[in-house]
N, C-alpha and C. Protein backbone atom coordinates (compact mmCIF):
# COMPACT_ATOMS: atom_id res chain seq x y z
N MET A 1 205.23 -9.16 38.32
CA MET A 1 205.25 -7.71 38.51
C MET A 1 206.47 -7.29 39.33
N SER A 2 206.96 -8.15 40.23
CA SER A 2 208.10 -7.77 41.06
C SER A 2 209.35 -7.51 40.24
N THR A 3 209.55 -8.24 39.14
CA THR A 3 210.70 -8.00 38.28
C THR A 3 210.61 -6.62 37.64
N ILE A 4 209.44 -6.25 37.22
CA ILE A 4 209.22 -4.92 36.63
C ILE A 4 209.51 -3.84 37.67
N LEU A 5 209.02 -4.04 38.88
CA LEU A 5 209.26 -3.05 39.94
C LEU A 5 210.74 -2.94 40.28
N GLU A 6 211.44 -4.06 40.31
CA GLU A 6 212.88 -4.03 40.57
C GLU A 6 213.60 -3.24 39.49
N THR A 7 213.22 -3.44 38.24
CA THR A 7 213.83 -2.71 37.13
C THR A 7 213.51 -1.22 37.24
N LEU A 8 212.25 -0.90 37.48
CA LEU A 8 211.84 0.50 37.59
C LEU A 8 212.51 1.21 38.76
N SER A 9 212.82 0.48 39.82
CA SER A 9 213.36 1.11 41.03
C SER A 9 214.68 1.85 40.77
N SER A 10 215.37 1.49 39.70
CA SER A 10 216.61 2.20 39.35
C SER A 10 216.34 3.50 38.62
N TYR A 11 215.10 3.70 38.16
CA TYR A 11 214.82 4.83 37.28
C TYR A 11 213.76 5.79 37.79
N VAL A 12 212.92 5.36 38.71
CA VAL A 12 211.83 6.23 39.17
C VAL A 12 211.83 6.32 40.69
N PRO A 13 211.32 7.42 41.23
CA PRO A 13 211.26 7.57 42.69
C PRO A 13 210.38 6.50 43.34
N ASN A 14 210.66 6.21 44.60
CA ASN A 14 209.85 5.24 45.35
C ASN A 14 208.39 5.67 45.44
N LEU A 15 208.14 6.97 45.42
CA LEU A 15 206.76 7.46 45.43
C LEU A 15 205.96 6.88 44.26
N ILE A 16 206.58 6.83 43.11
CA ILE A 16 205.92 6.29 41.92
C ILE A 16 205.74 4.78 42.05
N LEU A 17 206.77 4.10 42.55
CA LEU A 17 206.66 2.65 42.73
C LEU A 17 205.53 2.29 43.67
N ARG A 18 205.40 3.04 44.77
CA ARG A 18 204.30 2.76 45.71
C ARG A 18 202.95 2.97 45.04
N ARG A 19 202.84 3.97 44.19
CA ARG A 19 201.58 4.21 43.48
C ARG A 19 201.27 3.05 42.55
N ILE A 20 202.29 2.52 41.86
CA ILE A 20 202.09 1.40 40.94
C ILE A 20 201.63 0.16 41.71
N VAL A 21 202.23 -0.10 42.86
CA VAL A 21 201.83 -1.25 43.67
C VAL A 21 200.39 -1.09 44.15
N LYS A 22 200.05 0.11 44.57
CA LYS A 22 198.71 0.40 45.07
C LYS A 22 197.66 0.30 43.96
N ASN A 23 198.00 0.80 42.77
CA ASN A 23 197.06 0.80 41.65
C ASN A 23 197.86 0.69 40.36
N PRO A 24 197.97 -0.53 39.80
CA PRO A 24 198.80 -0.73 38.61
C PRO A 24 198.20 -0.22 37.30
N GLU A 25 196.99 0.33 37.35
CA GLU A 25 196.39 0.86 36.13
C GLU A 25 197.20 2.05 35.62
N PRO A 26 197.35 2.17 34.30
CA PRO A 26 198.10 3.32 33.74
C PRO A 26 197.47 4.65 34.15
N ILE A 27 198.30 5.63 34.37
CA ILE A 27 197.82 6.98 34.68
C ILE A 27 197.49 7.66 33.36
N ILE A 28 196.23 8.01 33.18
CA ILE A 28 195.82 8.62 31.90
C ILE A 28 195.53 10.11 32.03
N ALA A 29 195.54 10.61 33.26
CA ALA A 29 195.30 12.03 33.48
C ALA A 29 196.20 12.48 34.64
N PRO A 30 196.49 13.76 34.72
CA PRO A 30 197.29 14.23 35.86
C PRO A 30 196.65 13.83 37.18
N THR A 31 197.47 13.51 38.14
CA THR A 31 196.98 13.09 39.44
C THR A 31 197.87 13.69 40.53
N TYR A 32 197.39 13.69 41.75
CA TYR A 32 198.21 14.19 42.85
C TYR A 32 197.90 13.38 44.10
N GLU A 33 198.81 13.47 45.02
CA GLU A 33 198.63 12.84 46.32
C GLU A 33 199.16 13.82 47.36
N SER A 34 198.42 13.99 48.41
CA SER A 34 198.80 14.92 49.47
C SER A 34 199.43 14.15 50.62
N PHE A 35 200.56 14.62 51.10
CA PHE A 35 201.20 14.01 52.26
C PHE A 35 202.19 15.02 52.85
N PRO A 36 202.42 14.93 54.15
CA PRO A 36 203.39 15.85 54.75
C PRO A 36 204.80 15.47 54.32
N ALA A 37 205.59 16.46 53.95
CA ALA A 37 206.95 16.18 53.49
C ALA A 37 207.79 17.45 53.55
N ALA A 38 209.07 17.25 53.46
CA ALA A 38 210.02 18.35 53.31
C ALA A 38 210.72 18.13 51.98
N VAL A 39 211.08 19.20 51.32
CA VAL A 39 211.80 19.11 50.05
C VAL A 39 213.23 19.60 50.29
N LEU A 40 214.18 18.85 49.73
CA LEU A 40 215.59 19.19 49.90
C LEU A 40 216.27 19.23 48.54
N TYR A 41 216.98 20.31 48.28
CA TYR A 41 217.85 20.35 47.11
C TYR A 41 219.27 20.56 47.61
N ALA A 42 220.17 19.68 47.21
CA ALA A 42 221.57 19.79 47.64
C ALA A 42 222.47 19.66 46.42
N ASP A 43 223.55 20.44 46.42
CA ASP A 43 224.54 20.27 45.36
C ASP A 43 225.93 20.39 45.96
N ILE A 44 226.92 20.01 45.18
CA ILE A 44 228.30 19.99 45.66
C ILE A 44 228.90 21.38 45.50
N LYS A 45 229.24 22.01 46.63
CA LYS A 45 229.85 23.34 46.60
C LYS A 45 231.22 23.25 45.93
N GLY A 46 231.46 24.12 44.97
CA GLY A 46 232.75 24.18 44.30
C GLY A 46 232.97 23.09 43.26
N PHE A 47 231.89 22.43 42.84
CA PHE A 47 232.04 21.32 41.90
C PHE A 47 232.58 21.79 40.55
N THR A 48 232.11 22.93 40.07
CA THR A 48 232.60 23.45 38.78
C THR A 48 234.09 23.73 38.85
N ALA A 49 234.54 24.36 39.93
CA ALA A 49 235.97 24.64 40.10
C ALA A 49 236.77 23.34 40.17
N LEU A 50 236.23 22.33 40.85
CA LEU A 50 236.90 21.04 40.96
C LEU A 50 237.06 20.40 39.58
N THR A 51 236.00 20.41 38.78
CA THR A 51 236.09 19.79 37.45
C THR A 51 237.07 20.54 36.57
N GLU A 52 237.10 21.87 36.68
CA GLU A 52 238.05 22.65 35.88
C GLU A 52 239.49 22.35 36.29
N ARG A 53 239.73 22.20 37.59
CA ARG A 53 241.07 21.89 38.07
C ARG A 53 241.50 20.50 37.61
N LEU A 54 240.60 19.53 37.71
CA LEU A 54 240.93 18.17 37.31
C LEU A 54 241.07 18.04 35.80
N ASP A 55 240.40 18.94 35.06
CA ASP A 55 240.50 18.93 33.60
C ASP A 55 241.90 19.34 33.15
N GLY A 56 242.65 20.01 34.03
CA GLY A 56 243.99 20.48 33.69
C GLY A 56 245.08 19.44 33.90
N ILE A 57 244.73 18.20 34.19
CA ILE A 57 245.73 17.15 34.37
C ILE A 57 246.47 16.95 33.04
N PRO A 58 247.80 16.78 33.07
CA PRO A 58 248.59 16.63 31.84
C PRO A 58 248.05 15.54 30.90
N HIS A 59 248.30 15.75 29.59
CA HIS A 59 247.77 14.83 28.57
C HIS A 59 248.25 13.40 28.74
N ALA A 60 249.41 13.20 29.36
CA ALA A 60 249.91 11.83 29.58
C ALA A 60 248.94 11.03 30.43
N GLU A 61 248.17 11.74 31.23
CA GLU A 61 247.19 11.08 32.09
C GLU A 61 245.77 11.41 31.62
N GLN A 62 245.59 11.53 30.32
CA GLN A 62 244.29 11.91 29.77
C GLN A 62 243.21 10.96 30.26
N GLY A 63 242.10 11.50 30.68
CA GLY A 63 241.01 10.70 31.20
C GLY A 63 241.05 10.57 32.71
N ALA A 64 242.21 10.85 33.31
CA ALA A 64 242.34 10.74 34.77
C ALA A 64 241.45 11.76 35.47
N GLY A 65 241.33 12.95 34.89
CA GLY A 65 240.48 13.99 35.48
C GLY A 65 239.03 13.57 35.52
N ALA A 66 238.53 13.05 34.40
CA ALA A 66 237.14 12.59 34.33
C ALA A 66 236.90 11.45 35.31
N GLU A 67 237.88 10.57 35.42
CA GLU A 67 237.76 9.44 36.35
C GLU A 67 237.70 9.94 37.80
N ALA A 68 238.51 10.93 38.12
CA ALA A 68 238.52 11.49 39.47
C ALA A 68 237.20 12.18 39.79
N VAL A 69 236.64 12.91 38.81
CA VAL A 69 235.36 13.58 38.99
C VAL A 69 234.27 12.54 39.22
N THR A 70 234.26 11.50 38.40
CA THR A 70 233.27 10.44 38.53
C THR A 70 233.35 9.80 39.91
N HIS A 71 234.56 9.52 40.36
CA HIS A 71 234.75 8.91 41.69
C HIS A 71 234.22 9.84 42.78
N ALA A 72 234.55 11.12 42.68
CA ALA A 72 234.13 12.09 43.71
C ALA A 72 232.62 12.21 43.78
N ILE A 73 231.96 12.35 42.64
CA ILE A 73 230.51 12.54 42.64
C ILE A 73 229.79 11.25 43.07
N ASN A 74 230.32 10.10 42.68
CA ASN A 74 229.72 8.83 43.10
C ASN A 74 229.84 8.65 44.61
N ALA A 75 230.98 9.00 45.18
CA ALA A 75 231.17 8.89 46.63
C ALA A 75 230.20 9.82 47.37
N TYR A 76 230.03 11.03 46.86
CA TYR A 76 229.11 12.00 47.46
C TYR A 76 227.68 11.47 47.42
N PHE A 77 227.23 11.05 46.24
CA PHE A 77 225.86 10.59 46.10
C PHE A 77 225.61 9.31 46.89
N GLU A 78 226.59 8.42 46.95
CA GLU A 78 226.42 7.17 47.70
C GLU A 78 226.14 7.47 49.17
N ARG A 79 226.94 8.34 49.75
CA ARG A 79 226.74 8.70 51.17
C ARG A 79 225.43 9.45 51.36
N PHE A 80 225.14 10.38 50.46
CA PHE A 80 223.91 11.17 50.55
C PHE A 80 222.69 10.27 50.50
N ILE A 81 222.68 9.33 49.57
CA ILE A 81 221.54 8.43 49.41
C ILE A 81 221.38 7.53 50.63
N ASP A 82 222.48 7.04 51.18
CA ASP A 82 222.41 6.21 52.39
C ASP A 82 221.74 6.97 53.54
N VAL A 83 222.17 8.21 53.76
CA VAL A 83 221.59 9.02 54.83
C VAL A 83 220.13 9.33 54.54
N LEU A 84 219.83 9.69 53.31
CA LEU A 84 218.46 10.00 52.92
C LEU A 84 217.53 8.81 53.15
N HIS A 85 217.92 7.64 52.69
CA HIS A 85 217.09 6.44 52.86
C HIS A 85 216.97 6.06 54.34
N ALA A 86 218.00 6.29 55.13
CA ALA A 86 217.95 5.98 56.56
C ALA A 86 216.89 6.83 57.27
N HIS A 87 216.53 7.96 56.66
CA HIS A 87 215.53 8.85 57.25
C HIS A 87 214.24 8.86 56.42
N ALA A 88 213.99 7.76 55.69
CA ALA A 88 212.76 7.56 54.90
C ALA A 88 212.61 8.59 53.78
N GLY A 89 213.71 9.12 53.30
CA GLY A 89 213.67 10.07 52.19
C GLY A 89 213.67 9.35 50.86
N ASP A 90 213.43 10.11 49.81
CA ASP A 90 213.35 9.55 48.46
C ASP A 90 213.96 10.53 47.46
N ILE A 91 214.74 10.01 46.54
CA ILE A 91 215.31 10.82 45.47
C ILE A 91 214.22 11.09 44.45
N VAL A 92 214.04 12.34 44.09
CA VAL A 92 213.10 12.70 43.04
C VAL A 92 213.84 12.87 41.72
N LYS A 93 215.01 13.54 41.78
CA LYS A 93 215.73 13.83 40.54
C LYS A 93 217.19 14.17 40.84
N PHE A 94 218.07 13.72 39.96
CA PHE A 94 219.46 14.16 39.98
C PHE A 94 219.60 15.29 38.97
N THR A 95 220.37 16.32 39.33
CA THR A 95 220.56 17.47 38.45
C THR A 95 222.04 17.79 38.36
N GLY A 96 222.76 17.02 37.57
CA GLY A 96 224.20 17.22 37.46
C GLY A 96 224.88 16.86 38.77
N ASP A 97 225.42 17.87 39.47
CA ASP A 97 226.05 17.61 40.76
C ASP A 97 225.08 17.86 41.92
N GLY A 98 223.81 17.95 41.62
CA GLY A 98 222.79 18.18 42.64
C GLY A 98 221.77 17.07 42.69
N VAL A 99 220.97 17.11 43.75
CA VAL A 99 219.92 16.11 43.92
C VAL A 99 218.71 16.77 44.57
N LEU A 100 217.53 16.41 44.07
CA LEU A 100 216.26 16.87 44.63
C LEU A 100 215.64 15.69 45.35
N ALA A 101 215.28 15.89 46.61
CA ALA A 101 214.75 14.78 47.42
C ALA A 101 213.57 15.25 48.26
N VAL A 102 212.75 14.27 48.67
CA VAL A 102 211.65 14.53 49.61
C VAL A 102 211.79 13.57 50.77
């Protein structure tokens, strides 16, 4: 089961993984769990303008803009996730240049 959980950990929130460990039976009906939490939605200010500016890189360097955008968003999310996990937070969903967390 640990191999399955390791694989799932890349795709589902830790909240779901903890539920699977606690009760591995399939969920056949809607369920809920109550716990104190805060919800955070964060996105990159000016991201659309940044992508438009990087999209204007000359054709000789085609693909450089997309590579720069990918690098920028990965750096942002890497730092964000480190801080979030350091404070027992969990990613619920990525939304383009944004992230929903608890």
